[in-house]
C-alpha atoms as a PDB file:
ATOM      1  CA  MET A   1      -9.067  49.466   8.387  1.00  0.00           C
ATOM      2  CA  THR A   2     -10.265  50.822   5.040  1.00  0.00           C
ATOM      3  CA  PRO A   3     -12.961  53.517   5.263  1.00  0.00           C
ATOM      4  CA  ALA A   4     -16.366  52.442   3.955  1.00  0.00           C
ATOM      5  CA  ARG A   5     -17.413  53.439   0.480  1.00  0.00           C
ATOM      6  CA  PRO A   6     -19.577  56.568   0.692  1.00  0.00           C
ATOM      7  CA  LEU A   7     -23.253  55.932   0.062  1.00  0.00           C
ATOM      8  CA  PRO A   8     -25.663  58.257  -1.742  1.00  0.00           C
ATOM      9  CA  VAL A   9     -28.051  60.169   0.482  1.00  0.00           C
ATOM     10  CA  PRO A  10     -31.372  60.709  -1.313  1.00  0.00           C
ATOM     11  CA  ASP A  11     -33.044  64.072  -0.831  1.00  0.00           C
ATOM     12  CA  ASP A  12     -36.444  65.399  -1.925  1.00  0.00           C
ATOM     13  CA  ARG A  13     -35.184  66.127  -5.445  1.00  0.00           C
ATOM     14  CA  SER A  14     -33.513  62.732  -5.997  1.00  0.00           C
ATOM     15  CA  ALA A  15     -35.763  60.370  -4.010  1.00  0.00           C
ATOM     16  CA  GLY A  16     -37.584  59.055  -7.109  1.00  0.00           C
ATOM     17  CA  TYR A  17     -34.286  58.208  -8.809  1.00  0.00           C
ATOM     18  CA  TRP A  18     -32.919  56.299  -5.811  1.00  0.00           C
ATOM     19  CA  ALA A  19     -36.204  54.502  -5.094  1.00  0.00           C
ATOM     20  CA  ALA A  20     -36.264  53.219  -8.684  1.00  0.00           C
ATOM     21  CA  ALA A  21     -32.573  52.253  -8.581  1.00  0.00           C
ATOM     22  CA  ALA A  22     -33.228  50.167  -5.453  1.00  0.00           C
ATOM     23  CA  ARG A  23     -35.660  48.162  -7.636  1.00  0.00           C
ATOM     24  CA  HIS A  24     -33.001  47.954 -10.404  1.00  0.00           C
ATOM     25  CA  VAL A  25     -34.928  50.367 -12.605  1.00  0.00           C
ATOM     26  CA  LEU A  26     -33.364  53.435 -14.212  1.00  0.00           C
ATOM     27  CA  ALA A  27     -35.840  56.303 -13.832  1.00  0.00           C
ATOM     28  CA  LEU A  28     -34.773  59.792 -14.852  1.00  0.00           C
ATOM     29  CA  ALA A  29     -36.235  63.200 -14.112  1.00  0.00           C
ATOM     30  CA  ARG A  30     -38.363  64.665 -16.918  1.00  0.00           C
ATOM     31  CA  CYS A  31     -39.403  68.324 -16.918  1.00  0.00           C
ATOM     32  CA  THR A  32     -43.176  68.750 -16.951  1.00  0.00           C
ATOM     33  CA  GLU A  33     -42.794  72.004 -18.924  1.00  0.00           C
ATOM     34  CA  CYS A  34     -40.660  70.897 -21.911  1.00  0.00           C
ATOM     35  CA  ASP A  35     -40.809  67.094 -21.527  1.00  0.00           C
ATOM     36  CA  LYS A  36     -36.986  66.736 -21.662  1.00  0.00           C
ATOM     37  CA  PHE A  37     -34.924  64.550 -19.340  1.00  0.00           C
ATOM     38  CA  ALA A  38     -32.376  66.153 -17.016  1.00  0.00           C
ATOM     39  CA  VAL A  39     -29.577  64.331 -15.198  1.00  0.00           C
ATOM     40  CA  PRO A  40     -29.408  65.316 -12.432  1.00  0.00           C
ATOM     41  CA  PRO A  41     -32.616  67.281 -11.893  1.00  0.00           C
ATOM     42  CA  ASP A  42     -31.969  70.822 -10.715  1.00  0.00           C
ATOM     43  CA  GLU A  43     -33.963  73.824  -9.574  1.00  0.00           C
ATOM     44  CA  ILE A  44     -33.942  75.136 -13.142  1.00  0.00           C
ATOM     45  CA  CYS A  45     -34.531  72.965 -16.205  1.00  0.00           C
ATOM     46  CA  PRO A  46     -31.342  72.999 -18.321  1.00  0.00           C
ATOM     47  CA  HIS A  47     -33.428  72.750 -21.503  1.00  0.00           C
ATOM     48  CA  CYS A  48     -36.305  75.234 -21.215  1.00  0.00           C
ATOM     49  CA  GLY A  49     -35.014  77.354 -18.321  1.00  0.00           C
ATOM     50  CA  THR A  50     -38.159  77.145 -16.226  1.00  0.00           C
ATOM     51  CA  SER A  51     -37.560  77.702 -12.522  1.00  0.00           C
ATOM     52  CA  THR A  52     -40.564  75.503 -11.727  1.00  0.00           C
ATOM     53  CA  PRO A  53     -39.779  72.301 -13.674  1.00  0.00           C
ATOM     54  CA  ALA A  54     -41.814  69.964 -11.421  1.00  0.00           C
ATOM     55  CA  PHE A  55     -39.718  67.009 -12.556  1.00  0.00           C
ATOM     56  CA  ARG A  56     -41.355  63.600 -12.655  1.00  0.00           C
ATOM     57  CA  PHE A  57     -39.356  60.374 -12.724  1.00  0.00           C
ATOM     58  CA  GLU A  58     -39.886  58.056 -15.695  1.00  0.00           C
ATOM     59  CA  GLU A  59     -38.397  54.660 -16.444  1.00  0.00           C
ATOM     60  CA  VAL A  60     -35.962  54.645 -19.367  1.00  0.00           C
ATOM     61  CA  SER A  61     -34.381  51.757 -21.257  1.00  0.00           C
ATOM     62  CA  GLY A  62     -30.889  52.196 -19.826  1.00  0.00           C
ATOM     63  CA  ARG A  63     -29.433  51.606 -23.293  1.00  0.00           C
ATOM     64  CA  GLY A  64     -26.780  53.949 -24.579  1.00  0.00           C
ATOM     65  CA  ALA A  65     -23.448  54.414 -26.294  1.00  0.00           C
ATOM     66  CA  VAL A  66     -20.016  55.100 -24.823  1.00  0.00           C
ATOM     67  CA  ARG A  67     -18.865  58.672 -25.463  1.00  0.00           C
ATOM     68  CA  SER A  68     -15.667  58.435 -23.447  1.00  0.00           C
ATOM     69  CA  TRP A  69     -14.083  56.444 -20.625  1.00  0.00           C
ATOM     70  CA  THR A  70     -11.236  56.386 -18.143  1.00  0.00           C
ATOM     71  CA  VAL A  71      -9.630  53.816 -15.894  1.00  0.00           C
ATOM     72  CA  VAL A  72      -9.379  55.054 -12.315  1.00  0.00           C
ATOM     73  CA  ARG A  73      -6.150  53.682 -10.857  1.00  0.00           C
ATOM     74  CA  LYS A  74      -5.826  55.883  -7.770  1.00  0.00           C
ATOM     75  CA  ALA A  75      -8.746  56.515  -5.439  1.00  0.00           C
ATOM     76  CA  SER A  76      -9.370  60.210  -4.901  1.00  0.00           C
ATOM     77  CA  LEU A  77     -12.187  59.622  -2.393  1.00  0.00           C
ATOM     78  CA  LEU A  78     -11.984  57.785   0.900  1.00  0.00           C
ATOM     79  CA  GLY A  79     -13.651  54.412   0.702  1.00  0.00           C
ATOM     80  CA  PHE A  80     -12.625  53.644  -2.874  1.00  0.00           C
ATOM     81  CA  ALA A  81      -9.026  52.517  -2.243  1.00  0.00           C
ATOM     82  CA  ASP A  82     -10.023  48.846  -2.327  1.00  0.00           C
ATOM     83  CA  GLN A  83     -12.080  49.415  -5.488  1.00  0.00           C
ATOM     84  CA  VAL A  84      -9.252  50.498  -7.816  1.00  0.00           C
ATOM     85  CA  PRO A  85      -8.678  50.009 -10.614  1.00  0.00           C
ATOM     86  CA  TYR A  86     -12.137  50.518 -12.096  1.00  0.00           C
ATOM     87  CA  LEU A  87     -13.430  51.805 -15.393  1.00  0.00           C
ATOM     88  CA  LEU A  88     -15.792  54.784 -15.652  1.00  0.00           C
ATOM     89  CA  VAL A  89     -17.801  55.376 -18.820  1.00  0.00           C
ATOM     90  CA  ASP A  90     -19.499  58.525 -20.064  1.00  0.00           C
ATOM     91  CA  VAL A  91     -22.672  57.260 -21.745  1.00  0.00           C
ATOM     92  CA  GLU A  92     -25.164  59.029 -24.002  1.00  0.00           C
ATOM     93  CA  LEU A  93     -28.510  57.406 -23.291  1.00  0.00           C
ATOM     94  CA  ALA A  94     -30.797  56.389 -26.165  1.00  0.00           C
ATOM     95  CA  GLU A  95     -33.833  58.330 -24.940  1.00  0.00           C
ATOM     96  CA  GLN A  96     -32.602  61.812 -25.797  1.00  0.00           C
ATOM     97  CA  ARG A  97     -29.722  63.367 -27.706  1.00  0.00           C
ATOM     98  CA  GLY A  98     -27.175  64.745 -25.242  1.00  0.00           C
ATOM     99  CA  LEU A  99     -28.642  62.851 -22.253  1.00  0.00           C
ATOM    100  CA  ARG A 100     -25.518  61.659 -20.482  1.00  0.00           C
ATOM    101  CA  MET A 101     -24.631  59.653 -17.399  1.00  0.00           C
ATOM    102  CA  ILE A 102     -21.302  58.616 -15.961  1.00  0.00           C
ATOM    103  CA  GLY A 103     -21.030  55.259 -14.250  1.00  0.00           C
ATOM    104  CA  ARG A 104     -18.801  52.329 -13.549  1.00  0.00           C
ATOM    105  CA  LEU A 105     -18.421  49.725 -16.293  1.00  0.00           C
ATOM    106  CA  LEU A 106     -18.910  46.460 -14.440  1.00  0.00           C
ATOM    107  CA  ASP A 107     -17.165  44.389 -17.132  1.00  0.00           C
ATOM    108  CA  GLY A 108     -13.836  45.129 -15.385  1.00  0.00           C
ATOM    109  CA  PRO A 109     -10.927  47.559 -15.623  1.00  0.00           C
ATOM    110  CA  GLU A 110      -9.109  45.586 -18.346  1.00  0.00           C
ATOM    111  CA  THR A 111     -12.111  45.675 -20.679  1.00  0.00           C
ATOM    112  CA  VAL A 112     -11.440  46.998 -24.164  1.00  0.00           C
ATOM    113  CA  VAL A 113     -13.826  49.905 -24.748  1.00  0.00           C
ATOM    114  CA  ARG A 114     -14.378  51.944 -27.890  1.00  0.00           C
ATOM    115  CA  ILE A 115     -16.322  55.131 -28.529  1.00  0.00           C
ATOM    116  CA  GLY A 116     -19.784  54.134 -29.697  1.00  0.00           C
ATOM    117  CA  ASP A 117     -19.840  50.769 -27.912  1.00  0.00           C
ATOM    118  CA  ALA A 118     -23.362  49.824 -26.873  1.00  0.00           C
ATOM    119  CA  VAL A 119     -23.979  49.576 -23.127  1.00  0.00           C
ATOM    120  CA  GLN A 120     -26.907  48.662 -20.920  1.00  0.00           C
ATOM    121  CA  VAL A 121     -27.625  49.805 -17.387  1.00  0.00           C
ATOM    122  CA  ALA A 122     -26.845  47.398 -14.556  1.00  0.00           C
ATOM    123  CA  PHE A 123     -26.884  47.990 -10.810  1.00  0.00           C
ATOM    124  CA  GLU A 124     -24.443  47.688  -7.930  1.00  0.00           C
ATOM    125  CA  ASP A 125     -26.207  46.781  -4.692  1.00  0.00           C
ATOM    126  CA  LEU A 126     -24.441  48.729  -1.931  1.00  0.00           C
ATOM    127  CA  ALA A 127     -26.807  48.217   1.012  1.00  0.00           C
ATOM    128  CA  ALA A 128     -30.333  47.093   1.750  1.00  0.00           C
ATOM    129  CA  GLU A 129     -32.661  49.212  -0.384  1.00  0.00           C
ATOM    130  CA  LEU A 130     -29.708  51.018  -2.028  1.00  0.00           C
ATOM    131  CA  ALA A 131     -28.362  50.356  -5.520  1.00  0.00           C
ATOM    132  CA  VAL A 132     -26.265  52.533  -7.804  1.00  0.00           C
ATOM    133  CA  PRO A 133     -26.712  52.511 -11.590  1.00  0.00           C
ATOM    134  CA  ALA A 134     -23.684  51.274 -13.530  1.00  0.00           C
ATOM    135  CA  PHE A 135     -23.204  49.870 -17.036  1.00  0.00           C
ATOM    136  CA  VAL A 136     -22.195  46.685 -18.847  1.00  0.00           C
ATOM    137  CA  LEU A 137     -21.270  46.254 -22.491  1.00  0.00           C
ATOM    138  CA  ALA A 138     -24.335  45.212 -24.477  1.00  0.00           C
ATOM    139  CA  THR A 139     -22.361  43.787 -27.382  1.00  0.00           C
ATOM    140  CA  GLY A 140     -20.713  40.949 -25.523  1.00  0.00           C
ATOM    141  CA  ARG A 141     -17.403  42.258 -26.958  1.00  0.00           C
ATOM    142  CA  GLY A 142     -15.323  44.145 -24.426  1.00  0.00           C
ATOM    143  CA  VAL A 143     -13.683  41.181 -22.763  1.00  0.00           C
ATOM    144  CA  SER A 144     -10.060  41.603 -21.625  1.00  0.00           C
ATOM    145  CA  ALA A 145      -7.590  42.292 -24.425  1.00  0.00           C
END
């Protein structure tokens, strides 16, 4: 029997992110001091250095550009053995220079990807009330080579 895929466990700091994702909305933490987004939110804002960032979660477009990618062919975590191969993309989101997320590209592991390709957020439903942000190519290009 294959172990189950691990599921995210929201905590006080990430609850807003996961609640929005369950509704298929990408909402990111924004520092109330400097107004910059931080992924993931931390105890100290990576932009202004405040130790009291009081992050608030705001909906973002989910549009971005591929910075890099890799095809995962061997599962390094229990629960992903039946998921391989899959393609992970490093995406710079449109809302802020340097705002990056890594996620699965749902177009498939054989998809042709290039640096700069436009992507849009999509969601993988893993359980009731639990979805994980992922990406799809926004250009319609990226079909198997």
